[in-house]
Amino acid sequence: MSTMVAPPATPTTSGISLSERAANHVRDFLTHRGKGEGIRVGVKTSGCSGLAYVLEFVDQVDPHDVKFQAHGVNVFIDPKSMVYLDGLEMDYVKDGLNEGFRFENPNKTGECGCGESFTV
């Protein structure tokens, strides 16, 4: 009698997606900067709900970062933030005089009233 053993489970990630508007905004900003490999998305402890999104330009790629590409833009995530950001959808919106990135995070379980921080 032979016993079949299932292979070990491997973690899967959906990654991060950028809308075409968000990708165009990042690409335009990188072009005006004159340098940059893409953007890094992460989280930091902040605000009344606990976590806040952090965006920064990447001039030097960290070999530990997880890399995704959306509409020709490189998006980097540090591995520690991946658990909070997996499946994140980023858009760039203009609403009257306000404009900025909008985050749709399937891992979010709550957010503060002002929308500046979130809970997972």
N, C-alpha and C. Protein backbone atom coordinates (compact mmCIF):
# COMPACT_ATOMS: atom_id res chain seq x y z
N MET A 1 0.84 -1.17 0.00
CA MET A 1 0.00 0.00 0.00
C MET A 1 0.89 1.24 0.00
N SER A 2 0.59 2.18 -0.87
CA SER A 2 1.38 3.41 -0.94
C SER A 2 0.56 4.57 -0.38
N THR A 3 1.27 5.48 0.22
CA THR A 3 0.62 6.65 0.79
C THR A 3 1.04 7.86 -0.02
N MET A 4 0.08 8.67 -0.39
CA MET A 4 0.38 9.88 -1.15
C MET A 4 0.48 11.06 -0.18
N VAL A 5 1.51 11.83 -0.30
CA VAL A 5 1.70 12.99 0.55
C VAL A 5 1.56 14.23 -0.32
N ALA A 6 0.70 15.13 0.14
CA ALA A 6 0.50 16.37 -0.60
C ALA A 6 1.73 17.24 -0.47
N PRO A 7 2.08 17.98 -1.51
CA PRO A 7 3.22 18.89 -1.42
C PRO A 7 2.91 19.99 -0.40
N PRO A 8 3.94 20.55 0.21
CA PRO A 8 3.69 21.62 1.18
C PRO A 8 2.99 22.80 0.51
N ALA A 9 2.13 23.43 1.29
CA ALA A 9 1.41 24.60 0.77
C ALA A 9 2.40 25.73 0.53
N THR A 10 2.21 26.43 -0.56
CA THR A 10 3.05 27.58 -0.84
C THR A 10 2.19 28.83 -0.74
N PRO A 11 2.71 29.87 -0.12
CA PRO A 11 1.91 31.09 0.01
C PRO A 11 1.65 31.70 -1.36
N THR A 12 0.46 32.18 -1.56
CA THR A 12 0.14 32.85 -2.82
C THR A 12 -0.17 34.31 -2.53
N THR A 13 0.15 35.14 -3.47
CA THR A 13 -0.13 36.56 -3.33
C THR A 13 -0.84 37.05 -4.56
N SER A 14 -1.74 38.00 -4.36
CA SER A 14 -2.41 38.64 -5.48
C SER A 14 -1.61 39.85 -5.92
N GLY A 15 -0.84 40.39 -4.98
CA GLY A 15 -0.05 41.57 -5.29
C GLY A 15 -0.81 42.85 -5.13
N ILE A 16 -0.31 43.86 -5.78
CA ILE A 16 -0.91 45.19 -5.75
C ILE A 16 -1.23 45.57 -7.18
N SER A 17 -2.38 46.20 -7.36
CA SER A 17 -2.71 46.68 -8.70
C SER A 17 -2.90 48.19 -8.67
N LEU A 18 -2.48 48.82 -9.74
CA LEU A 18 -2.66 50.25 -9.93
C LEU A 18 -3.61 50.45 -11.09
N SER A 19 -4.51 51.39 -10.94
CA SER A 19 -5.35 51.75 -12.07
C SER A 19 -4.46 52.44 -13.11
N GLU A 20 -4.97 52.57 -14.30
CA GLU A 20 -4.20 53.26 -15.34
C GLU A 20 -3.93 54.70 -14.94
N ARG A 21 -4.91 55.36 -14.29
CA ARG A 21 -4.71 56.75 -13.81
C ARG A 21 -3.59 56.83 -12.78
N ALA A 22 -3.57 55.88 -11.84
CA ALA A 22 -2.53 55.87 -10.81
C ALA A 22 -1.16 55.63 -11.45
N ALA A 23 -1.08 54.69 -12.38
CA ALA A 23 0.18 54.40 -13.05
C ALA A 23 0.66 55.62 -13.84
N ASN A 24 -0.25 56.28 -14.53
CA ASN A 24 0.13 57.48 -15.30
C ASN A 24 0.65 58.58 -14.37
N HIS A 25 0.02 58.76 -13.21
CA HIS A 25 0.46 59.78 -12.26
C HIS A 25 1.87 59.47 -11.76
N VAL A 26 2.11 58.21 -11.39
CA VAL A 26 3.45 57.82 -10.91
C VAL A 26 4.48 57.98 -12.03
N ARG A 27 4.15 57.54 -13.22
CA ARG A 27 5.07 57.64 -14.37
C ARG A 27 5.41 59.10 -14.65
N ASP A 28 4.41 59.98 -14.66
CA ASP A 28 4.64 61.41 -14.90
C ASP A 28 5.55 62.00 -13.82
N PHE A 29 5.31 61.62 -12.58
CA PHE A 29 6.12 62.15 -11.48
C PHE A 29 7.56 61.67 -11.60
N LEU A 30 7.75 60.39 -11.94
CA LEU A 30 9.11 59.86 -12.12
C LEU A 30 9.82 60.57 -13.27
N THR A 31 9.08 60.85 -14.34
CA THR A 31 9.66 61.56 -15.48
C THR A 31 10.10 62.95 -15.08
N HIS A 32 9.26 63.67 -14.34
CA HIS A 32 9.62 65.02 -13.90
C HIS A 32 10.78 65.01 -12.90
N ARG A 33 10.86 63.95 -12.10
CA ARG A 33 11.98 63.80 -11.15
C ARG A 33 13.28 63.55 -11.89
N GLY A 34 13.18 62.87 -13.03
CA GLY A 34 14.36 62.57 -13.80
C GLY A 34 15.08 61.30 -13.39
N LYS A 35 14.52 60.58 -12.41
CA LYS A 35 15.13 59.32 -11.97
C LYS A 35 14.09 58.53 -11.19
N GLY A 36 14.41 57.27 -10.98
CA GLY A 36 13.55 56.41 -10.17
C GLY A 36 13.20 55.12 -10.88
N GLU A 37 13.17 54.04 -10.10
CA GLU A 37 12.85 52.71 -10.62
C GLU A 37 11.35 52.40 -10.49
N GLY A 38 10.64 53.18 -9.69
CA GLY A 38 9.21 52.93 -9.44
C GLY A 38 8.84 53.50 -8.09
N ILE A 39 7.78 52.92 -7.48
CA ILE A 39 7.37 53.36 -6.15
C ILE A 39 7.37 52.17 -5.20
N ARG A 40 7.60 52.48 -3.93
CA ARG A 40 7.51 51.47 -2.87
C ARG A 40 6.26 51.81 -2.05
N VAL A 41 5.46 50.80 -1.82
CA VAL A 41 4.26 50.94 -1.00
C VAL A 41 4.49 50.13 0.27
N GLY A 42 4.21 50.74 1.40
CA GLY A 42 4.37 50.05 2.67
C GLY A 42 3.36 50.56 3.68
N VAL A 43 3.49 50.09 4.90
CA VAL A 43 2.65 50.56 5.99
C VAL A 43 3.54 50.95 7.16
N LYS A 44 3.05 51.85 7.99
CA LYS A 44 3.73 52.22 9.22
C LYS A 44 2.70 52.34 10.32
N THR A 45 3.13 52.21 11.54
CA THR A 45 2.25 52.39 12.69
C THR A 45 1.95 53.87 12.81
N SER A 46 0.65 54.21 12.76
CA SER A 46 0.27 55.62 12.78
C SER A 46 -1.22 55.77 12.96
N GLY A 47 -1.64 56.94 13.41
CA GLY A 47 -3.05 57.27 13.45
C GLY A 47 -3.82 56.55 14.54
N CYS A 48 -5.11 56.82 14.56
CA CYS A 48 -5.95 56.25 15.62
C CYS A 48 -6.35 54.80 15.36
N SER A 49 -6.23 54.33 14.13
CA SER A 49 -6.59 52.94 13.84
C SER A 49 -5.39 52.01 13.79
N GLY A 50 -4.19 52.54 13.77
CA GLY A 50 -3.02 51.69 13.88
C GLY A 50 -2.04 51.68 12.73
N LEU A 51 -2.52 51.68 11.48
CA LEU A 51 -1.62 51.60 10.32
C LEU A 51 -1.94 52.68 9.31
N ALA A 52 -0.92 53.15 8.62
CA ALA A 52 -1.11 54.13 7.55
C ALA A 52 -0.26 53.71 6.35
N TYR A 53 -0.71 54.06 5.17
CA TYR A 53 0.04 53.75 3.94
C TYR A 53 1.22 54.70 3.82
N VAL A 54 2.32 54.17 3.29
CA VAL A 54 3.51 54.96 3.04
C VAL A 54 3.90 54.74 1.58
N LEU A 55 4.11 55.83 0.86
CA LEU A 55 4.56 55.77 -0.54
C LEU A 55 5.88 56.51 -0.65
N GLU A 56 6.82 55.91 -1.36
CA GLU A 56 8.09 56.59 -1.60
C GLU A 56 8.64 56.15 -2.95
N PHE A 57 9.41 57.03 -3.55
CA PHE A 57 10.04 56.69 -4.81
C PHE A 57 11.22 55.77 -4.55
N VAL A 58 11.45 54.86 -5.47
CA VAL A 58 12.55 53.91 -5.36
C VAL A 58 13.64 54.32 -6.35
N ASP A 59 14.78 54.72 -5.80
CA ASP A 59 15.93 55.04 -6.64
C ASP A 59 16.90 53.86 -6.68
N GLN A 60 16.90 53.07 -5.61
CA GLN A 60 17.73 51.88 -5.56
C GLN A 60 16.87 50.72 -5.06
N VAL A 61 16.80 49.67 -5.84
CA VAL A 61 15.94 48.53 -5.52
C VAL A 61 16.54 47.73 -4.37
N ASP A 62 15.70 47.44 -3.38
CA ASP A 62 16.10 46.56 -2.27
C ASP A 62 15.86 45.13 -2.74
N PRO A 63 16.87 44.27 -2.71
CA PRO A 63 16.70 42.91 -3.22
C PRO A 63 15.66 42.09 -2.45
N HIS A 64 15.27 42.53 -1.27
CA HIS A 64 14.27 41.81 -0.47
C HIS A 64 12.84 42.21 -0.84
N ASP A 65 12.68 43.32 -1.52
CA ASP A 65 11.34 43.79 -1.89
C ASP A 65 10.66 42.82 -2.85
N VAL A 66 9.35 42.76 -2.76
CA VAL A 66 8.53 42.02 -3.72
C VAL A 66 8.18 43.02 -4.82
N LYS A 67 8.37 42.62 -6.07
CA LYS A 67 8.16 43.54 -7.19
C LYS A 67 6.94 43.12 -8.01
N PHE A 68 6.11 44.11 -8.32
CA PHE A 68 4.97 43.93 -9.21
C PHE A 68 5.07 44.99 -10.29
N GLN A 69 4.36 44.78 -11.38
CA GLN A 69 4.33 45.78 -12.43
C GLN A 69 2.88 46.00 -12.83
N ALA A 70 2.50 47.27 -12.97
CA ALA A 70 1.15 47.62 -13.37
C ALA A 70 1.21 48.76 -14.38
N HIS A 71 0.68 48.51 -15.58
CA HIS A 71 0.65 49.51 -16.65
C HIS A 71 2.04 50.11 -16.88
N GLY A 72 3.07 49.27 -16.81
CA GLY A 72 4.43 49.71 -17.08
C GLY A 72 5.14 50.39 -15.92
N VAL A 73 4.53 50.40 -14.73
CA VAL A 73 5.15 51.02 -13.56
C VAL A 73 5.55 49.93 -12.58
N ASN A 74 6.78 50.00 -12.07
CA ASN A 74 7.24 49.05 -11.06
C ASN A 74 6.72 49.47 -9.69
N VAL A 75 6.16 48.50 -8.97
CA VAL A 75 5.67 48.72 -7.62
C VAL A 75 6.42 47.74 -6.72
N PHE A 76 7.05 48.27 -5.67
CA PHE A 76 7.83 47.45 -4.75
C PHE A 76 7.17 47.46 -3.38
N ILE A 77 7.21 46.30 -2.71
CA ILE A 77 6.65 46.18 -1.37
C ILE A 77 7.67 45.46 -0.51
N ASP A 78 7.92 46.01 0.69
CA ASP A 78 8.81 45.29 1.58
C ASP A 78 8.05 44.07 2.11
N PRO A 79 8.74 42.95 2.30
CA PRO A 79 8.06 41.71 2.68
C PRO A 79 7.22 41.82 3.95
N LYS A 80 7.62 42.65 4.91
CA LYS A 80 6.86 42.78 6.17
C LYS A 80 5.51 43.44 5.94
N SER A 81 5.40 44.30 4.93
CA SER A 81 4.14 44.97 4.64
C SER A 81 3.21 44.13 3.78
N MET A 82 3.75 43.10 3.14
CA MET A 82 2.97 42.32 2.18
C MET A 82 1.70 41.73 2.80
N VAL A 83 1.77 41.27 4.03
CA VAL A 83 0.61 40.67 4.68
C VAL A 83 -0.54 41.68 4.81
N TYR A 84 -0.23 42.96 4.94
CA TYR A 84 -1.24 44.01 5.07
C TYR A 84 -1.72 44.54 3.73
N LEU A 85 -0.91 44.35 2.68
CA LEU A 85 -1.19 45.00 1.39
C LEU A 85 -1.59 44.04 0.27
N ASP A 86 -1.52 42.76 0.50
CA ASP A 86 -1.82 41.80 -0.56
C ASP A 86 -3.25 42.01 -1.07
N GLY A 87 -3.38 42.23 -2.36
CA GLY A 87 -4.68 42.46 -2.97
C GLY A 87 -5.07 43.93 -3.06
N LEU A 88 -4.20 44.82 -2.58
CA LEU A 88 -4.49 46.26 -2.59
C LEU A 88 -4.69 46.77 -4.01
N GLU A 89 -5.69 47.61 -4.19
CA GLU A 89 -5.93 48.30 -5.46
C GLU A 89 -5.75 49.79 -5.22
N MET A 90 -4.90 50.40 -6.02
CA MET A 90 -4.65 51.84 -5.89
C MET A 90 -5.18 52.56 -7.12
N ASP A 91 -5.86 53.67 -6.85
CA ASP A 91 -6.36 54.52 -7.92
C ASP A 91 -5.89 55.94 -7.62
N TYR A 92 -5.89 56.80 -8.61
CA TYR A 92 -5.58 58.21 -8.41
C TYR A 92 -6.83 58.98 -8.80
N VAL A 93 -7.37 59.74 -7.85
CA VAL A 93 -8.65 60.41 -8.09
C VAL A 93 -8.52 61.92 -7.88
N LYS A 94 -9.33 62.63 -8.62
CA LYS A 94 -9.47 64.08 -8.46
C LYS A 94 -10.92 64.34 -8.10
N ASP A 95 -11.10 65.06 -6.99
CA ASP A 95 -12.45 65.38 -6.52
C ASP A 95 -12.47 66.86 -6.14
N GLY A 96 -12.94 67.68 -7.05
CA GLY A 96 -12.92 69.12 -6.81
C GLY A 96 -11.48 69.61 -6.76
N LEU A 97 -11.11 70.27 -5.66
CA LEU A 97 -9.76 70.77 -5.50
C LEU A 97 -8.82 69.72 -4.90
N ASN A 98 -9.38 68.60 -4.45
CA ASN A 98 -8.58 67.54 -3.83
C ASN A 98 -8.20 66.48 -4.86
N GLU A 99 -7.01 65.97 -4.72
CA GLU A 99 -6.59 64.86 -5.55
C GLU A 99 -5.59 64.03 -4.77
N GLY A 100 -5.55 62.74 -5.09
CA GLY A 100 -4.61 61.86 -4.41
C GLY A 100 -4.93 60.40 -4.67
N PHE A 101 -4.14 59.53 -4.05
CA PHE A 101 -4.34 58.11 -4.21
C PHE A 101 -5.49 57.64 -3.35
N ARG A 102 -6.26 56.71 -3.88
CA ARG A 102 -7.33 56.06 -3.14
C ARG A 102 -6.94 54.59 -3.03
N PHE A 103 -7.05 54.04 -1.84
CA PHE A 103 -6.65 52.67 -1.56
C PHE A 103 -7.87 51.81 -1.27
N GLU A 104 -8.00 50.71 -1.99
CA GLU A 104 -9.03 49.71 -1.72
C GLU A 104 -8.30 48.46 -1.25
N ASN A 105 -8.38 48.20 0.05
CA ASN A 105 -7.60 47.13 0.66
C ASN A 105 -8.53 46.04 1.19
N PRO A 106 -8.49 44.83 0.60
CA PRO A 106 -9.37 43.76 1.05
C PRO A 106 -9.02 43.24 2.44
N ASN A 107 -7.85 43.59 2.96
CA ASN A 107 -7.42 43.14 4.29
C ASN A 107 -7.90 44.07 5.40
N LYS A 108 -8.36 45.25 5.05
CA LYS A 108 -8.76 46.26 6.02
C LYS A 108 -10.03 45.82 6.73
N THR A 109 -10.00 45.89 8.06
CA THR A 109 -11.20 45.55 8.84
C THR A 109 -11.86 46.79 9.43
N GLY A 110 -11.18 47.93 9.39
CA GLY A 110 -11.74 49.17 9.89
C GLY A 110 -10.82 50.32 9.57
N GLU A 111 -11.34 51.53 9.76
CA GLU A 111 -10.52 52.73 9.55
C GLU A 111 -11.01 53.83 10.46
N CYS A 112 -10.17 54.82 10.68
CA CYS A 112 -10.56 55.94 11.52
C CYS A 112 -11.55 56.83 10.75
N GLY A 113 -12.19 57.71 11.45
CA GLY A 113 -13.20 58.57 10.84
C GLY A 113 -12.67 59.46 9.75
N CYS A 114 -11.43 59.90 9.86
CA CYS A 114 -10.87 60.79 8.83
C CYS A 114 -10.29 60.00 7.65
N GLY A 115 -10.15 58.69 7.79
CA GLY A 115 -9.65 57.86 6.69
C GLY A 115 -8.15 57.85 6.55
N GLU A 116 -7.40 58.43 7.50
CA GLU A 116 -5.95 58.49 7.41
C GLU A 116 -5.26 57.20 7.86
N SER A 117 -5.93 56.40 8.67
CA SER A 117 -5.31 55.16 9.12
C SER A 117 -6.33 54.03 9.08
N PHE A 118 -5.83 52.79 9.16
CA PHE A 118 -6.71 51.63 9.05
C PHE A 118 -6.25 50.51 9.97
N THR A 119 -7.12 49.52 10.13
CA THR A 119 -6.87 48.35 10.96
C THR A 119 -6.99 47.10 10.09
N VAL A 120 -6.16 46.11 10.40
CA VAL A 120 -6.24 44.83 9.71
C VAL A 120 -6.56 43.77 10.75
